[in-house]
Amino acid sequence: MKKFFYTLWICLYPILIYITIQLSLGMLMGVLFSILAGVRSPDAMEDIITENALVITALCAVVTSVFLSLFFYLDINKGRIKKRGQLRAMDFVMAILGGAGVAIALNIIIALTNMAGNDAAFVKVSNSITSNPLIVIIICAGILIPIVEEIIFRGLIFNRIKHQYNFLAGLLISSVLFGIYHGNIVQAIYATLLGIFLGFAYHKTKSILIPIFIHMSSNTFVSIYAKLGENEENIGILLIAVVISLIFALIGTIYFINRKVE
């Protein structure tokens, strides 16, 4: 029982650190944005924070990644994390192409179930993200946020559970926590399934860079596809891109399954 609670604590506090920084720094930046916009009422300030939620989250991610990278380094020294294996150029290629493909495949599955339209929390989050220009979405959701999320859920939580118990426990629990963290049913299912792919690829390569690249590629290509889908004239290009993505999802999955652990 002592081992269980110890593992629970060392897995939860990285998430708590991230949430605390998000809340405190988010409020501070929200107030700053409100002052710059000449806004004083609480309701107007809340609207400012909501409108800039993606940018605020990305800036919080940058700050948090500095702290959590230190914990990641300490875990390597403590033996909780195995030292990185030898990376191959194909690892990165499959991370980018396979990651994008798996993300698109999961989005198609979720779209076919019509869950997205029935989840008000997901619709709110989705609208908050897609209301930004594409370049802002790519920088924030496609590059900055995946770094800190991978350090937390794969770098720290996955490795710590695997060290205390075993690989399968680390893979499943870290993936479920990754899903729950997103706060709505649609993203919870999507993030949990994607988390399994991320954790498995990390296990095979022993490098945190691989799940980071997969996560970046997933978020970036999903965002681009979403923007393309807003214009009916792009439907032909979108369908071709989806077919290509599904092929790469299959190729990427097979690649990491067959990839030998160093």
Protein backbone atom coordinates (compact mmCIF):
# COMPACT_ATOMS: atom_id res chain seq x y z
CA MET A 1 0.00 0.00 0.00
CA LYS A 2 2.89 2.35 0.80
CA LYS A 3 4.31 1.72 -2.68
CA PHE A 4 0.93 2.53 -4.25
CA PHE A 5 0.54 5.89 -2.50
CA TYR A 6 4.16 6.81 -3.17
CA THR A 7 3.70 6.06 -6.88
CA LEU A 8 0.42 7.99 -6.89
CA TRP A 9 2.12 11.04 -5.38
CA ILE A 10 5.14 11.10 -7.70
CA CYS A 11 2.77 10.79 -10.67
CA LEU A 12 0.27 13.44 -9.58
CA TYR A 13 2.54 16.25 -8.45
CA PRO A 14 3.90 17.02 -11.97
CA ILE A 15 0.29 17.51 -13.12
CA LEU A 16 -0.46 19.64 -10.04
CA ILE A 17 2.59 21.81 -10.75
CA TYR A 18 1.39 22.37 -14.33
CA ILE A 19 -2.18 23.17 -13.25
CA THR A 20 -0.96 25.54 -10.52
CA ILE A 21 1.24 27.44 -12.97
CA GLN A 22 -1.62 27.54 -15.48
CA LEU A 23 -4.03 28.99 -12.93
CA SER A 24 -1.67 31.51 -11.32
CA LEU A 25 0.17 32.65 -14.44
CA GLY A 26 -3.04 32.47 -16.46
CA MET A 27 -4.83 34.82 -14.06
CA LEU A 28 -1.85 37.17 -14.03
CA MET A 29 -1.65 37.28 -17.81
CA GLY A 30 -5.41 37.63 -18.07
CA VAL A 31 -5.29 40.69 -15.83
CA LEU A 32 -2.39 42.10 -17.87
CA PHE A 33 -4.25 41.56 -21.15
CA SER A 34 -7.33 43.17 -19.64
CA ILE A 35 -5.38 46.24 -18.52
CA LEU A 36 -3.79 46.59 -21.95
CA ALA A 37 -7.26 46.30 -23.51
CA GLY A 38 -8.66 48.89 -21.10
CA VAL A 39 -11.08 46.42 -19.53
CA ARG A 40 -12.08 46.60 -15.85
CA SER A 41 -15.24 44.51 -15.22
CA PRO A 42 -14.81 40.87 -14.06
CA ASP A 43 -17.01 39.53 -16.87
CA ALA A 44 -15.01 41.36 -19.51
CA MET A 45 -11.75 40.11 -17.97
CA GLU A 46 -13.07 36.55 -18.08
CA ASP A 47 -13.86 37.00 -21.77
CA ILE A 48 -10.33 38.27 -22.39
CA ILE A 49 -8.86 35.20 -20.66
CA THR A 50 -11.13 32.87 -22.66
CA GLU A 51 -10.23 34.53 -25.94
CA ASN A 52 -6.52 34.21 -25.22
CA ALA A 53 -6.69 30.81 -23.50
CA LEU A 54 -4.55 29.05 -26.10
CA VAL A 55 -1.74 31.62 -25.96
CA ILE A 56 -1.85 31.71 -22.15
CA THR A 57 -1.72 27.91 -21.97
CA ALA A 58 1.25 27.82 -24.34
CA LEU A 59 3.20 30.40 -22.31
CA CYS A 60 2.43 28.44 -19.13
CA ALA A 61 3.68 25.31 -20.89
CA VAL A 62 7.01 26.99 -21.63
CA VAL A 63 7.47 28.00 -17.98
CA THR A 64 6.42 24.58 -16.68
CA SER A 65 8.68 22.69 -19.09
CA VAL A 66 11.70 24.40 -17.51
CA PHE A 67 10.82 23.08 -14.03
CA LEU A 68 9.75 19.61 -15.16
CA SER A 69 12.80 19.13 -17.37
CA LEU A 70 14.82 19.32 -14.17
CA PHE A 71 12.72 16.53 -12.61
CA PHE A 72 13.18 14.49 -15.80
CA TYR A 73 16.96 14.93 -15.57
CA LEU A 74 16.94 13.94 -11.89
CA ASP A 75 14.89 10.83 -12.68
CA ILE A 76 17.53 9.76 -15.21
CA ASN A 77 20.19 10.09 -12.51
CA LYS A 78 18.04 8.13 -10.05
CA GLY A 79 17.63 5.28 -12.52
CA ARG A 80 13.88 5.75 -12.97
CA ILE A 81 14.44 6.47 -16.65
CA LYS A 82 16.58 4.31 -18.90
CA LYS A 83 19.15 6.25 -20.86
CA ARG A 84 18.28 7.04 -24.44
CA GLY A 85 18.81 4.37 -27.05
CA GLN A 86 20.37 4.97 -30.44
CA LEU A 87 17.98 6.99 -32.57
CA ARG A 88 17.53 6.50 -36.29
CA ALA A 89 16.45 9.03 -38.91
CA MET A 90 13.48 6.77 -39.69
CA ASP A 91 12.30 7.08 -36.07
CA PHE A 92 11.69 10.79 -36.64
CA VAL A 93 10.15 10.27 -40.08
CA MET A 94 7.69 7.73 -38.70
CA ALA A 95 7.04 9.90 -35.66
CA ILE A 96 5.98 12.79 -37.89
CA LEU A 97 4.11 10.88 -40.60
CA GLY A 98 2.80 8.05 -38.43
CA GLY A 99 1.80 10.43 -35.65
CA ALA A 100 -0.18 12.58 -38.05
CA GLY A 101 -1.82 9.51 -39.55
CA VAL A 102 -2.83 8.00 -36.21
CA ALA A 103 -4.27 11.34 -35.05
CA ILE A 104 -6.35 11.72 -38.22
CA ALA A 105 -7.54 8.10 -37.97
CA LEU A 106 -8.67 8.64 -34.37
CA ASN A 107 -10.45 11.87 -35.35
CA ILE A 108 -12.29 10.06 -38.13
CA ILE A 109 -13.42 7.33 -35.72
CA ILE A 110 -14.66 9.91 -33.23
CA ALA A 111 -16.41 11.87 -36.02
CA LEU A 112 -18.24 8.73 -37.18
CA THR A 113 -19.62 8.20 -33.66
CA ASN A 114 -20.94 11.80 -33.57
CA MET A 115 -19.63 12.20 -30.01
CA ALA A 116 -18.08 15.58 -30.71
CA GLY A 117 -21.39 17.33 -31.43
CA ASN A 118 -22.93 16.01 -28.20
CA ASP A 119 -20.09 17.09 -25.93
CA ALA A 120 -20.60 20.75 -24.98
CA ALA A 121 -17.27 20.93 -23.13
CA PHE A 122 -15.41 19.68 -26.21
CA VAL A 123 -17.21 22.11 -28.50
CA LYS A 124 -16.24 25.00 -26.20
CA VAL A 125 -12.58 23.96 -26.14
CA SER A 126 -12.55 23.34 -29.89
CA ASN A 127 -14.06 26.76 -30.65
CA SER A 128 -11.55 28.43 -28.33
CA ILE A 129 -8.67 26.85 -30.23
CA THR A 130 -9.94 27.19 -33.81
CA SER A 131 -10.87 30.87 -33.30
CA ASN A 132 -7.14 31.66 -33.45
CA PRO A 133 -5.17 32.14 -36.68
CA LEU A 134 -3.63 28.89 -37.98
CA ILE A 135 -0.06 30.05 -37.33
CA VAL A 136 -0.92 30.75 -33.68
CA ILE A 137 -2.55 27.31 -33.34
CA ILE A 138 0.50 25.58 -34.83
CA ILE A 139 2.98 27.44 -32.59
CA CYS A 140 0.93 27.01 -29.40
CA ALA A 141 -0.97 23.72 -29.76
CA GLY A 142 1.33 22.17 -32.34
CA ILE A 143 4.74 22.95 -30.86
CA LEU A 144 4.85 24.43 -27.34
CA ILE A 145 2.10 22.55 -25.47
CA PRO A 146 3.10 19.03 -26.68
CA ILE A 147 6.59 19.49 -25.19
CA VAL A 148 5.41 19.97 -21.61
CA GLU A 149 2.64 17.36 -21.91
CA GLU A 150 5.12 14.73 -23.10
CA ILE A 151 7.57 15.57 -20.32
CA ILE A 152 4.73 15.13 -17.81
CA PHE A 153 2.86 12.10 -19.11
CA ARG A 154 5.55 10.08 -20.88
CA GLY A 155 8.79 11.45 -19.43
CA LEU A 156 7.72 11.44 -15.78
CA ILE A 157 4.46 9.54 -15.19
CA PHE A 158 4.98 6.68 -17.67
CA ASN A 159 8.57 6.12 -16.58
CA ARG A 160 7.81 6.35 -12.86
CA ILE A 161 4.96 3.83 -13.00
CA LYS A 162 7.03 1.52 -15.21
CA HIS A 163 9.91 1.77 -12.74
CA GLN A 164 7.65 1.00 -9.76
CA TYR A 165 5.54 -1.70 -11.47
CA ASN A 166 5.95 -2.64 -15.14
CA PHE A 167 5.73 -1.41 -18.73
CA LEU A 168 2.06 -2.29 -19.28
CA ALA A 169 0.95 -0.51 -16.08
CA GLY A 170 2.98 2.55 -17.05
CA LEU A 171 1.57 2.59 -20.58
CA LEU A 172 -2.11 2.20 -19.63
CA ILE A 173 -2.20 4.39 -16.53
CA SER A 174 -0.22 7.26 -18.07
CA SER A 175 -2.48 7.13 -21.15
CA VAL A 176 -5.67 7.18 -19.08
CA LEU A 177 -4.37 10.07 -16.97
CA PHE A 178 -3.45 11.89 -20.19
CA GLY A 179 -7.03 11.45 -21.36
CA ILE A 180 -8.64 12.51 -18.07
CA TYR A 181 -6.41 15.59 -17.93
CA HIS A 182 -8.06 16.99 -21.08
CA GLY A 183 -11.33 17.41 -19.20
CA ASN A 184 -14.02 16.26 -21.65
CA ILE A 185 -15.23 12.92 -22.98
CA VAL A 186 -14.19 13.35 -26.62
CA GLN A 187 -10.65 14.48 -25.87
CA ALA A 188 -10.38 11.93 -23.06
CA ILE A 189 -11.01 9.05 -25.48
CA TYR A 190 -8.82 10.56 -28.19
CA ALA A 191 -5.92 11.41 -25.85
CA THR A 192 -6.03 8.01 -24.13
CA LEU A 193 -5.76 6.13 -27.43
CA LEU A 194 -3.12 8.50 -28.77
CA GLY A 195 -1.30 8.19 -25.44
CA ILE A 196 -0.96 4.44 -25.95
CA PHE A 197 0.72 5.05 -29.30
CA LEU A 198 2.96 7.74 -27.76
CA GLY A 199 3.98 5.56 -24.84
CA PHE A 200 4.65 2.52 -27.02
CA ALA A 201 6.83 4.52 -29.44
CA TYR A 202 8.71 5.99 -26.47
CA HIS A 203 9.28 2.52 -25.01
CA LYS A 204 10.72 1.29 -28.31
CA THR A 205 13.08 4.25 -28.87
CA LYS A 206 13.90 5.25 -25.26
CA SER A 207 13.93 8.91 -26.36
CA ILE A 208 11.43 11.53 -25.19
CA LEU A 209 12.01 13.31 -28.50
CA ILE A 210 10.00 10.68 -30.37
CA PRO A 211 6.67 11.12 -28.48
CA ILE A 212 7.25 14.89 -28.58
CA PHE A 213 7.57 14.77 -32.39
CA ILE A 214 4.54 12.45 -32.64
CA HIS A 215 2.47 14.79 -30.45
CA MET A 216 3.59 17.88 -32.37
CA SER A 217 2.77 16.25 -35.70
CA SER A 218 -0.62 15.02 -34.44
CA ASN A 219 -1.74 18.42 -33.17
CA THR A 220 -0.36 20.31 -36.16
CA PHE A 221 -1.90 18.16 -38.88
CA VAL A 222 -5.25 17.88 -37.10
CA SER A 223 -5.32 21.69 -36.86
CA ILE A 224 -4.47 22.07 -40.55
CA TYR A 225 -7.15 19.55 -41.55
CA ALA A 226 -9.69 21.38 -39.39
CA LYS A 227 -8.90 24.66 -41.12
CA LEU A 228 -9.13 23.01 -44.54
CA GLY A 229 -12.49 21.55 -43.55
CA GLU A 230 -13.91 25.02 -42.92
CA ASN A 231 -13.91 25.67 -46.68
CA GLU A 232 -16.03 23.32 -48.83
CA GLU A 233 -13.79 24.04 -51.83
CA ASN A 234 -11.00 22.12 -50.11
CA ILE A 235 -12.98 18.89 -49.75
CA GLY A 236 -11.12 17.14 -52.58
CA ILE A 237 -7.70 18.00 -51.16
CA LEU A 238 -8.90 17.03 -47.71
CA LEU A 239 -10.10 13.58 -48.81
CA ILE A 240 -6.81 12.83 -50.57
CA ALA A 241 -4.88 13.98 -47.49
CA VAL A 242 -7.03 11.79 -45.23
CA VAL A 243 -6.38 8.68 -47.37
CA ILE A 244 -2.63 9.37 -47.34
CA SER A 245 -2.75 9.92 -43.56
CA LEU A 246 -4.50 6.60 -42.96
CA ILE A 247 -1.81 4.83 -44.98
CA PHE A 248 0.90 6.49 -42.87
CA ALA A 249 -1.00 5.59 -39.70
CA LEU A 250 -0.76 1.92 -40.66
CA ILE A 251 2.89 2.21 -41.74
CA GLY A 252 3.86 4.11 -38.58
CA THR A 253 2.12 1.63 -36.30
CA ILE A 254 3.78 -1.34 -37.98
CA TYR A 255 7.15 0.41 -37.86
CA PHE A 256 7.10 0.99 -34.11
CA ILE A 257 5.73 -2.50 -33.42
CA ASN A 258 8.63 -4.03 -35.33
CA ARG A 259 11.21 -1.53 -34.06
CA LYS A 260 13.65 -3.38 -31.83
CA VAL A 261 14.24 -2.00 -28.34
CA GLU A 262 17.87 -0.95 -27.93
